[in-house]
Amino acid sequence: TNEFSQVDGIPIIALLLGWAGVLPFAALVMSATLGQPGHAGAAVAALVGYGSIILSFMGGVLWGLEMSQSRSQAAYVASIVPALTAAAAMFLQPPFGILLLLCGFAGLLAYDLSLSRSGGAPKWYPVLRWQLTTAVVALLAMTLLFAPQP
């Protein structure tokens, strides 16, 4: 790889695609908080749906890391928790679904940091996870604070 293929050790493609995944969060939060009040409910519902997809995807990342290393059965179990959390969030009323997603992303970050410290993820992974999760959690918190509630 050349010197331009990584930033802080993070592969450029992972950095770009990770941040591209944050863009729909930002657009939906802007729509929910700054858009027409009559459309806020639809934006919040879409935010819960998109957040659930991404949280489930992150569980799939854990599953893949575990498959590549076969470290423990508990790690396989941990990898399905994000999808179960996301599914539950979709059944809750918006403020509670968003709060559950916020907790899910924060909890997953804590797990990922622990996994990285034990050598279960690439060295650059926690740096990227901090960046992306901080943005997502902040955006979800903004929705809780500023979006009109039903």
Protein backbone atom coordinates (compact mmCIF):
# COMPACT_ATOMS: atom_id res chain seq x y z
CA THR A 1 0.00 0.00 0.00
CA ASN A 2 1.14 3.55 -0.55
CA GLU A 3 1.18 6.39 1.94
CA PHE A 4 -2.18 7.69 0.68
CA SER A 5 -4.08 4.44 1.16
CA GLN A 6 -4.41 4.94 4.92
CA VAL A 7 -5.23 7.72 7.38
CA ASP A 8 -4.16 7.09 10.99
CA GLY A 9 -3.66 3.47 9.98
CA ILE A 10 -7.28 3.21 8.78
CA PRO A 11 -7.66 2.00 5.18
CA ILE A 12 -9.05 4.91 3.15
CA ILE A 13 -11.89 2.79 1.78
CA ALA A 14 -13.02 1.85 5.31
CA LEU A 15 -12.83 5.49 6.38
CA LEU A 16 -14.78 6.77 3.36
CA LEU A 17 -17.45 4.07 3.46
CA GLY A 18 -17.81 4.38 7.23
CA TRP A 19 -18.42 8.12 7.01
CA ALA A 20 -20.71 7.62 4.01
CA GLY A 21 -22.80 5.44 6.31
CA VAL A 22 -23.14 8.35 8.75
CA LEU A 23 -24.58 10.66 6.07
CA PRO A 24 -28.09 9.13 6.11
CA PHE A 25 -28.15 9.53 9.91
CA ALA A 26 -27.32 13.22 9.50
CA ALA A 27 -29.85 13.76 6.71
CA LEU A 28 -32.65 12.05 8.66
CA VAL A 29 -31.84 13.92 11.86
CA MET A 30 -31.87 17.22 9.96
CA SER A 31 -35.21 16.31 8.42
CA ALA A 32 -36.65 15.30 11.80
CA THR A 33 -35.42 18.36 13.66
CA LEU A 34 -35.32 21.15 11.06
CA GLY A 35 -37.85 20.01 8.48
CA GLN A 36 -41.58 20.50 8.37
CA PRO A 37 -43.14 19.30 11.63
CA GLY A 38 -45.64 17.16 9.74
CA HIS A 39 -42.78 15.16 8.25
CA ALA A 40 -40.80 14.67 11.46
CA GLY A 41 -42.56 11.40 12.34
CA ALA A 42 -41.65 9.83 9.01
CA ALA A 43 -38.05 11.01 9.33
CA VAL A 44 -37.78 9.59 12.85
CA ALA A 45 -39.28 6.26 11.72
CA ALA A 46 -36.78 6.13 8.86
CA LEU A 47 -33.98 6.98 11.31
CA VAL A 48 -34.95 4.06 13.55
CA GLY A 49 -35.10 1.79 10.51
CA TYR A 50 -31.74 2.89 9.14
CA GLY A 51 -30.12 2.83 12.58
CA SER A 52 -31.42 -0.71 13.07
CA ILE A 53 -29.92 -1.81 9.77
CA ILE A 54 -26.53 -0.33 10.65
CA LEU A 55 -26.53 -1.73 14.20
CA SER A 56 -27.36 -5.17 12.77
CA PHE A 57 -24.59 -4.77 10.20
CA MET A 58 -22.13 -4.02 13.01
CA GLY A 59 -23.17 -7.27 14.68
CA GLY A 60 -22.35 -9.00 11.40
CA VAL A 61 -18.90 -7.44 11.54
CA LEU A 62 -18.43 -9.04 14.96
CA TRP A 63 -19.62 -12.39 13.61
CA GLY A 64 -17.09 -12.12 10.78
CA LEU A 65 -14.25 -11.24 13.14
CA GLU A 66 -15.15 -14.24 15.29
CA MET A 67 -15.31 -16.58 12.29
CA SER A 68 -11.83 -15.49 11.25
CA GLN A 69 -10.37 -16.22 14.71
CA SER A 70 -12.68 -18.74 16.42
CA ARG A 71 -11.89 -17.37 19.86
CA SER A 72 -15.01 -18.25 21.85
CA GLN A 73 -18.63 -19.28 21.68
CA ALA A 74 -19.52 -16.27 23.84
CA ALA A 75 -18.22 -13.98 21.10
CA TYR A 76 -20.63 -15.56 18.62
CA VAL A 77 -23.46 -14.92 21.06
CA ALA A 78 -22.30 -11.32 21.58
CA SER A 79 -22.36 -10.80 17.82
CA ILE A 80 -26.14 -11.31 17.63
CA VAL A 81 -26.95 -8.85 20.43
CA PRO A 82 -26.80 -5.81 18.10
CA ALA A 83 -29.38 -7.35 15.74
CA LEU A 84 -31.68 -8.28 18.62
CA THR A 85 -31.33 -4.76 20.04
CA ALA A 86 -32.11 -3.27 16.62
CA ALA A 87 -35.19 -5.46 16.20
CA ALA A 88 -36.47 -4.40 19.62
CA ALA A 89 -35.89 -0.72 18.76
CA MET A 90 -38.13 -1.07 15.73
CA PHE A 91 -41.05 -2.18 17.91
CA LEU A 92 -40.79 0.68 20.39
CA GLN A 93 -42.34 4.12 20.13
CA PRO A 94 -39.87 6.61 18.58
CA PRO A 95 -38.28 8.20 21.62
CA PHE A 96 -37.67 4.79 23.20
CA GLY A 97 -36.54 3.15 19.95
CA ILE A 98 -34.03 5.92 19.37
CA LEU A 99 -32.83 5.70 22.96
CA LEU A 100 -32.38 1.93 22.62
CA LEU A 101 -30.38 2.42 19.40
CA LEU A 102 -28.23 5.06 21.10
CA CYS A 103 -27.51 2.62 23.94
CA GLY A 104 -26.92 -0.18 21.45
CA PHE A 105 -24.31 1.80 19.52
CA ALA A 106 -22.60 2.97 22.72
CA GLY A 107 -22.58 -0.54 24.17
CA LEU A 108 -21.23 -1.98 20.94
CA LEU A 109 -18.42 0.58 20.98
CA ALA A 110 -17.45 -0.53 24.50
CA TYR A 111 -17.47 -4.16 23.37
CA ASP A 112 -15.47 -3.37 20.23
CA LEU A 113 -12.85 -1.49 22.23
CA SER A 114 -12.48 -4.47 24.55
CA LEU A 115 -12.25 -6.79 21.56
CA SER A 116 -9.56 -4.61 20.00
CA ARG A 117 -7.51 -4.49 23.22
CA SER A 118 -7.47 -8.29 23.27
CA GLY A 119 -6.24 -8.44 19.66
CA GLY A 120 -9.57 -9.53 18.18
CA ALA A 121 -9.77 -6.68 15.66
CA PRO A 122 -7.34 -4.73 13.47
CA LYS A 123 -5.30 -2.07 15.28
CA TRP A 124 -7.01 0.72 13.35
CA TYR A 125 -10.54 -0.51 14.13
CA PRO A 126 -11.06 1.25 17.48
CA VAL A 127 -9.98 4.59 15.99
CA LEU A 128 -12.59 4.30 13.24
CA ARG A 129 -15.25 3.02 15.64
CA TRP A 130 -14.68 5.97 18.01
CA GLN A 131 -15.15 8.43 15.16
CA LEU A 132 -18.24 6.88 13.65
CA THR A 133 -19.97 5.94 16.90
CA THR A 134 -19.42 9.39 18.39
CA ALA A 135 -21.10 10.91 15.34
CA VAL A 136 -24.01 8.46 15.36
CA VAL A 137 -24.63 8.74 19.11
CA ALA A 138 -24.52 12.55 18.90
CA LEU A 139 -26.99 12.54 16.01
CA LEU A 140 -29.36 10.17 17.81
CA ALA A 141 -29.12 12.34 20.94
CA MET A 142 -29.95 15.42 18.86
CA THR A 143 -33.07 13.65 17.66
CA LEU A 144 -34.13 12.87 21.21
CA LEU A 145 -33.54 16.47 22.26
CA PHE A 146 -34.87 18.42 19.30
CA ALA A 147 -37.27 16.36 17.17
CA PRO A 148 -40.98 16.90 17.82
CA GLN A 149 -42.34 14.02 19.87
CA PRO A 150 -45.64 12.35 18.97
